[in-house]
Amino acid sequence: MVNIAVNYDYPDELEFFERGFGLSDENDPDEGLFSYIYAYEDGSQLIVTHSPFGNISFSAKLISNGIVVFNIYQEYITAISFQAWSEEQVIRVYCNAKNIDTEFRVYYSPKPRIYVANT
């Protein structure tokens, strides 16, 4: 196994599992890709991936009926965390690219959606 220096905050694998995620086919820790999948009753799948390599990236992809509904990608990640508002479960991602602070939220339960804003 490769020893990877990580310079951003992120939930560990157990936290993803506790929230209903499993490992996605894209998961490859030896290559620095940490990828998880959340499956919905209708067959849709949300795949979230983060990596310490390059410019520290995060991506979220929703696939429904074989069609990519959204596929977002962001570099310069500073933190990833799980949060909740009422019944909504969220992965919140913070980043700083060229001194512009951005955050986005990936809502994964009860239904998937995204929110992106410059702060």
N, C-alpha and C. Protein backbone atom coordinates (compact mmCIF):
# COMPACT_ATOMS: atom_id res chain seq x y z
N MET A 1 0.85 -1.19 0.00
CA MET A 1 0.00 0.00 0.00
C MET A 1 0.89 1.24 0.00
N VAL A 2 0.47 2.25 -0.74
CA VAL A 2 1.20 3.49 -0.85
C VAL A 2 0.82 4.40 0.31
N ASN A 3 1.81 5.05 0.91
CA ASN A 3 1.56 6.01 1.98
C ASN A 3 1.29 7.37 1.35
N ILE A 4 0.12 7.92 1.59
CA ILE A 4 -0.29 9.16 0.94
C ILE A 4 -0.42 10.27 1.98
N ALA A 5 0.25 11.39 1.73
CA ALA A 5 0.11 12.56 2.60
C ALA A 5 -1.17 13.30 2.20
N VAL A 6 -2.03 13.52 3.16
CA VAL A 6 -3.30 14.18 2.88
C VAL A 6 -3.33 15.51 3.63
N ASN A 7 -3.62 16.59 2.90
CA ASN A 7 -3.62 17.91 3.53
C ASN A 7 -4.98 18.60 3.41
N TYR A 8 -6.04 17.85 3.62
CA TYR A 8 -7.39 18.38 3.72
C TYR A 8 -8.16 17.49 4.69
N ASP A 9 -9.21 18.02 5.26
CA ASP A 9 -10.03 17.26 6.21
C ASP A 9 -11.12 16.52 5.45
N TYR A 10 -11.34 15.27 5.80
CA TYR A 10 -12.38 14.48 5.14
C TYR A 10 -12.85 13.36 6.08
N PRO A 11 -14.08 12.88 5.88
CA PRO A 11 -14.59 11.78 6.70
C PRO A 11 -13.84 10.49 6.38
N ASP A 12 -13.64 9.66 7.38
CA ASP A 12 -12.98 8.39 7.10
C ASP A 12 -13.97 7.40 6.49
N GLU A 13 -13.46 6.28 6.03
CA GLU A 13 -14.26 5.29 5.33
C GLU A 13 -15.45 4.82 6.17
N LEU A 14 -15.24 4.62 7.46
CA LEU A 14 -16.31 4.15 8.35
C LEU A 14 -17.47 5.13 8.38
N GLU A 15 -17.18 6.44 8.36
CA GLU A 15 -18.25 7.44 8.34
C GLU A 15 -19.12 7.31 7.10
N PHE A 16 -18.51 7.05 5.96
CA PHE A 16 -19.29 6.84 4.74
C PHE A 16 -20.17 5.60 4.90
N PHE A 17 -19.61 4.51 5.41
CA PHE A 17 -20.37 3.27 5.58
C PHE A 17 -21.55 3.47 6.53
N GLU A 18 -21.32 4.21 7.62
CA GLU A 18 -22.38 4.45 8.61
C GLU A 18 -23.55 5.23 8.01
N ARG A 19 -23.30 5.97 6.95
CA ARG A 19 -24.35 6.79 6.32
C ARG A 19 -24.96 6.12 5.09
N GLY A 20 -24.68 4.84 4.90
CA GLY A 20 -25.31 4.09 3.83
C GLY A 20 -24.53 4.00 2.54
N PHE A 21 -23.32 4.52 2.50
CA PHE A 21 -22.49 4.43 1.31
C PHE A 21 -21.72 3.10 1.32
N GLY A 22 -21.36 2.64 0.15
CA GLY A 22 -20.46 1.51 0.00
C GLY A 22 -19.29 1.95 -0.87
N LEU A 23 -18.35 1.06 -1.08
CA LEU A 23 -17.22 1.39 -1.96
C LEU A 23 -17.68 1.32 -3.41
N SER A 24 -17.30 2.30 -4.20
CA SER A 24 -17.65 2.27 -5.63
C SER A 24 -16.56 1.52 -6.40
N ASP A 25 -16.86 1.17 -7.63
CA ASP A 25 -15.87 0.50 -8.49
C ASP A 25 -14.68 1.41 -8.78
N GLU A 26 -14.85 2.72 -8.59
CA GLU A 26 -13.77 3.67 -8.85
C GLU A 26 -12.79 3.79 -7.68
N ASN A 27 -13.11 3.18 -6.53
CA ASN A 27 -12.26 3.27 -5.36
C ASN A 27 -10.92 2.57 -5.61
N ASP A 28 -9.82 3.29 -5.39
CA ASP A 28 -8.48 2.73 -5.56
C ASP A 28 -7.51 3.50 -4.66
N PRO A 29 -7.47 3.14 -3.36
CA PRO A 29 -6.60 3.86 -2.43
C PRO A 29 -5.13 3.88 -2.83
N ASP A 30 -4.65 2.82 -3.49
CA ASP A 30 -3.25 2.80 -3.93
C ASP A 30 -2.96 3.89 -4.95
N GLU A 31 -3.98 4.32 -5.68
CA GLU A 31 -3.84 5.39 -6.66
C GLU A 31 -4.34 6.73 -6.11
N GLY A 32 -4.73 6.75 -4.84
CA GLY A 32 -5.20 8.01 -4.23
C GLY A 32 -6.61 8.38 -4.61
N LEU A 33 -7.45 7.41 -4.97
CA LEU A 33 -8.85 7.67 -5.28
C LEU A 33 -9.73 7.00 -4.23
N PHE A 34 -10.45 7.81 -3.47
CA PHE A 34 -11.33 7.31 -2.42
C PHE A 34 -12.75 7.56 -2.90
N SER A 35 -13.45 6.49 -3.28
CA SER A 35 -14.72 6.64 -3.98
C SER A 35 -15.80 5.78 -3.33
N TYR A 36 -16.97 6.40 -3.16
CA TYR A 36 -18.09 5.75 -2.46
C TYR A 36 -19.36 5.90 -3.29
N ILE A 37 -20.27 4.93 -3.12
CA ILE A 37 -21.51 4.93 -3.88
C ILE A 37 -22.70 4.85 -2.92
N TYR A 38 -23.74 5.59 -3.25
CA TYR A 38 -24.99 5.57 -2.50
C TYR A 38 -26.07 5.14 -3.49
N ALA A 39 -26.73 4.03 -3.20
CA ALA A 39 -27.73 3.48 -4.11
C ALA A 39 -29.14 3.83 -3.63
N TYR A 40 -29.99 4.21 -4.57
CA TYR A 40 -31.37 4.58 -4.27
C TYR A 40 -32.32 3.46 -4.70
N GLU A 41 -33.51 3.46 -4.12
CA GLU A 41 -34.51 2.42 -4.41
C GLU A 41 -34.89 2.36 -5.89
N ASP A 42 -34.85 3.51 -6.57
CA ASP A 42 -35.22 3.53 -7.99
C ASP A 42 -34.09 3.09 -8.92
N GLY A 43 -32.97 2.67 -8.34
CA GLY A 43 -31.84 2.22 -9.14
C GLY A 43 -30.80 3.30 -9.42
N SER A 44 -31.11 4.55 -9.09
CA SER A 44 -30.14 5.64 -9.27
C SER A 44 -28.95 5.41 -8.33
N GLN A 45 -27.82 5.98 -8.72
CA GLN A 45 -26.60 5.85 -7.92
C GLN A 45 -25.88 7.19 -7.85
N LEU A 46 -25.45 7.54 -6.66
CA LEU A 46 -24.63 8.72 -6.44
C LEU A 46 -23.23 8.25 -6.12
N ILE A 47 -22.25 8.70 -6.89
CA ILE A 47 -20.85 8.32 -6.67
C ILE A 47 -20.07 9.56 -6.29
N VAL A 48 -19.44 9.54 -5.12
CA VAL A 48 -18.62 10.66 -4.67
C VAL A 48 -17.18 10.16 -4.53
N THR A 49 -16.24 10.98 -4.99
CA THR A 49 -14.83 10.60 -5.01
C THR A 49 -13.99 11.78 -4.57
N HIS A 50 -12.97 11.51 -3.74
CA HIS A 50 -12.01 12.56 -3.43
C HIS A 50 -10.60 12.01 -3.56
N SER A 51 -9.65 12.91 -3.82
CA SER A 51 -8.27 12.51 -4.04
C SER A 51 -7.31 13.60 -3.56
N PRO A 52 -6.25 13.20 -2.83
CA PRO A 52 -5.25 14.17 -2.39
C PRO A 52 -4.25 14.54 -3.49
N PHE A 53 -4.27 13.84 -4.59
CA PHE A 53 -3.29 14.09 -5.64
C PHE A 53 -3.68 15.27 -6.52
N GLY A 54 -2.71 15.74 -7.28
CA GLY A 54 -2.96 16.89 -8.16
C GLY A 54 -3.29 18.11 -7.32
N ASN A 55 -4.44 18.64 -7.56
CA ASN A 55 -4.86 19.86 -6.86
C ASN A 55 -5.92 19.58 -5.79
N ILE A 56 -5.92 18.37 -5.22
CA ILE A 56 -6.87 17.95 -4.19
C ILE A 56 -8.29 18.11 -4.71
N SER A 57 -8.87 17.03 -5.19
CA SER A 57 -10.14 17.11 -5.89
C SER A 57 -11.27 16.35 -5.21
N PHE A 58 -12.49 16.73 -5.59
CA PHE A 58 -13.72 16.06 -5.17
C PHE A 58 -14.65 16.04 -6.36
N SER A 59 -15.35 14.92 -6.55
CA SER A 59 -16.36 14.86 -7.60
C SER A 59 -17.60 14.15 -7.08
N ALA A 60 -18.73 14.49 -7.67
CA ALA A 60 -20.00 13.85 -7.36
C ALA A 60 -20.74 13.62 -8.67
N LYS A 61 -21.19 12.39 -8.86
CA LYS A 61 -21.86 12.02 -10.11
C LYS A 61 -23.14 11.26 -9.77
N LEU A 62 -24.26 11.71 -10.34
CA LEU A 62 -25.53 11.02 -10.17
C LEU A 62 -25.89 10.34 -11.48
N ILE A 63 -26.15 9.04 -11.42
CA ILE A 63 -26.54 8.27 -12.59
C ILE A 63 -27.94 7.72 -12.35
N SER A 64 -28.85 7.99 -13.29
CA SER A 64 -30.22 7.51 -13.20
C SER A 64 -30.63 6.91 -14.54
N ASN A 65 -31.08 5.68 -14.52
CA ASN A 65 -31.47 4.98 -15.75
C ASN A 65 -30.37 5.01 -16.80
N GLY A 66 -29.13 4.86 -16.35
CA GLY A 66 -27.99 4.84 -17.27
C GLY A 66 -27.57 6.19 -17.81
N ILE A 67 -28.22 7.26 -17.34
CA ILE A 67 -27.92 8.62 -17.82
C ILE A 67 -27.27 9.41 -16.69
N VAL A 68 -26.20 10.13 -17.01
CA VAL A 68 -25.55 10.99 -16.01
C VAL A 68 -26.39 12.25 -15.86
N VAL A 69 -26.98 12.43 -14.68
CA VAL A 69 -27.83 13.57 -14.39
C VAL A 69 -26.98 14.79 -14.06
N PHE A 70 -25.97 14.61 -13.21
CA PHE A 70 -24.98 15.65 -12.98
C PHE A 70 -23.65 14.98 -12.69
N ASN A 71 -22.59 15.69 -12.98
CA ASN A 71 -21.23 15.24 -12.73
C ASN A 71 -20.41 16.48 -12.43
N ILE A 72 -20.20 16.77 -11.16
CA ILE A 72 -19.46 17.97 -10.79
C ILE A 72 -18.07 17.59 -10.30
N TYR A 73 -17.14 18.48 -10.53
CA TYR A 73 -15.74 18.24 -10.17
C TYR A 73 -15.18 19.55 -9.64
N GLN A 74 -14.46 19.47 -8.53
CA GLN A 74 -13.87 20.68 -7.95
C GLN A 74 -12.47 20.36 -7.42
N GLU A 75 -11.55 21.26 -7.66
CA GLU A 75 -10.19 21.13 -7.14
C GLU A 75 -9.97 22.12 -5.99
N TYR A 76 -8.83 22.02 -5.36
CA TYR A 76 -8.42 22.88 -4.24
C TYR A 76 -9.35 22.71 -3.04
N ILE A 77 -9.69 21.47 -2.74
CA ILE A 77 -10.55 21.16 -1.60
C ILE A 77 -9.79 21.42 -0.30
N THR A 78 -10.48 22.03 0.65
CA THR A 78 -9.89 22.23 1.97
C THR A 78 -10.54 21.36 3.03
N ALA A 79 -11.82 20.99 2.82
CA ALA A 79 -12.51 20.13 3.79
C ALA A 79 -13.75 19.50 3.17
N ILE A 80 -14.05 18.30 3.65
CA ILE A 80 -15.26 17.57 3.30
C ILE A 80 -15.88 17.12 4.61
N SER A 81 -17.19 17.34 4.77
CA SER A 81 -17.83 16.91 6.02
C SER A 81 -19.27 16.49 5.77
N PHE A 82 -19.77 15.63 6.65
CA PHE A 82 -21.18 15.26 6.63
C PHE A 82 -21.94 16.22 7.51
N GLN A 83 -23.11 16.65 7.05
CA GLN A 83 -23.98 17.52 7.84
C GLN A 83 -25.42 17.12 7.59
N ALA A 84 -26.32 17.66 8.42
CA ALA A 84 -27.74 17.36 8.27
C ALA A 84 -28.56 18.58 8.65
N TRP A 85 -29.64 18.80 7.89
CA TRP A 85 -30.63 19.81 8.20
C TRP A 85 -31.97 19.11 8.16
N SER A 86 -32.64 19.05 9.30
CA SER A 86 -33.90 18.31 9.41
C SER A 86 -33.67 16.90 8.90
N GLU A 87 -34.41 16.49 7.87
CA GLU A 87 -34.24 15.13 7.35
C GLU A 87 -33.23 15.06 6.21
N GLU A 88 -32.72 16.19 5.75
CA GLU A 88 -31.78 16.19 4.63
C GLU A 88 -30.36 15.86 5.10
N GLN A 89 -29.75 14.91 4.43
CA GLN A 89 -28.38 14.50 4.70
C GLN A 89 -27.49 15.05 3.59
N VAL A 90 -26.35 15.64 3.99
CA VAL A 90 -25.54 16.42 3.06
C VAL A 90 -24.06 16.10 3.22
N ILE A 91 -23.35 16.10 2.09
CA ILE A 91 -21.89 16.15 2.11
C ILE A 91 -21.54 17.58 1.74
N ARG A 92 -20.85 18.27 2.64
CA ARG A 92 -20.49 19.67 2.39
C ARG A 92 -19.00 19.73 2.04
N VAL A 93 -18.71 20.42 0.95
CA VAL A 93 -17.34 20.49 0.44
C VAL A 93 -16.90 21.95 0.41
N TYR A 94 -15.75 22.23 1.01
CA TYR A 94 -15.19 23.58 1.02
C TYR A 94 -13.93 23.58 0.17
N CYS A 95 -13.72 24.67 -0.55
CA CYS A 95 -12.49 24.78 -1.34
C CYS A 95 -12.09 26.24 -1.47
N ASN A 96 -10.83 26.42 -1.83
CA ASN A 96 -10.30 27.75 -2.04
C ASN A 96 -9.46 27.71 -3.31
N ALA A 97 -10.00 28.23 -4.39
CA ALA A 97 -9.29 28.27 -5.66
C ALA A 97 -8.97 29.72 -6.01
N LYS A 98 -7.69 30.03 -6.07
CA LYS A 98 -7.24 31.38 -6.45
C LYS A 98 -7.92 32.46 -5.62
N ASN A 99 -7.96 32.22 -4.30
CA ASN A 99 -8.50 33.17 -3.32
C ASN A 99 -10.00 33.41 -3.46
N ILE A 100 -10.71 32.54 -4.13
CA ILE A 100 -12.17 32.61 -4.19
C ILE A 100 -12.70 31.41 -3.41
N ASP A 101 -13.31 31.69 -2.29
CA ASP A 101 -13.86 30.61 -1.48
C ASP A 101 -15.16 30.11 -2.11
N THR A 102 -15.25 28.81 -2.26
CA THR A 102 -16.43 28.18 -2.82
C THR A 102 -16.85 27.04 -1.90
N GLU A 103 -18.12 26.85 -1.81
CA GLU A 103 -18.62 25.67 -1.11
C GLU A 103 -19.67 25.03 -1.98
N PHE A 104 -19.75 23.74 -1.89
CA PHE A 104 -20.91 23.11 -2.49
C PHE A 104 -21.38 21.99 -1.61
N ARG A 105 -22.65 21.71 -1.78
CA ARG A 105 -23.29 20.68 -0.97
C ARG A 105 -23.86 19.63 -1.91
N VAL A 106 -23.62 18.40 -1.55
CA VAL A 106 -24.19 17.27 -2.25
C VAL A 106 -25.22 16.66 -1.31
N TYR A 107 -26.48 16.90 -1.61
CA TYR A 107 -27.57 16.32 -0.82
C TYR A 107 -27.75 14.88 -1.30
N TYR A 108 -27.65 13.93 -0.38
CA TYR A 108 -27.76 12.54 -0.81
C TYR A 108 -28.99 11.82 -0.26
N SER A 109 -29.63 12.40 0.77
CA SER A 109 -30.83 11.77 1.32
C SER A 109 -31.74 12.84 1.87
N PRO A 110 -33.03 12.79 1.64
CA PRO A 110 -33.76 11.67 1.05
C PRO A 110 -33.66 11.61 -0.47
N LYS A 111 -33.35 12.72 -1.14
CA LYS A 111 -33.16 12.64 -2.59
C LYS A 111 -31.95 13.47 -2.99
N PRO A 112 -31.26 13.07 -4.05
CA PRO A 112 -30.01 13.73 -4.43
C PRO A 112 -30.23 15.05 -5.17
N ARG A 113 -29.37 16.02 -4.83
CA ARG A 113 -29.30 17.29 -5.55
C ARG A 113 -28.01 17.98 -5.14
N ILE A 114 -27.66 19.06 -5.84
CA ILE A 114 -26.45 19.79 -5.51
C ILE A 114 -26.75 21.26 -5.35
N TYR A 115 -25.86 21.94 -4.62
CA TYR A 115 -25.93 23.39 -4.42
C TYR A 115 -24.49 23.89 -4.46
N VAL A 116 -24.24 24.95 -5.23
CA VAL A 116 -22.89 25.51 -5.36
C VAL A 116 -22.98 27.02 -5.13
N ALA A 117 -22.03 27.57 -4.36
CA ALA A 117 -22.02 29.02 -4.11
C ALA A 117 -20.60 29.51 -3.86
N ASN A 118 -20.33 30.73 -4.30
CA ASN A 118 -19.10 31.42 -3.92
C ASN A 118 -19.41 32.18 -2.65
N THR A 119 -18.53 32.07 -1.67
CA THR A 119 -18.79 32.73 -0.39
C THR A 119 -17.91 33.93 -0.20
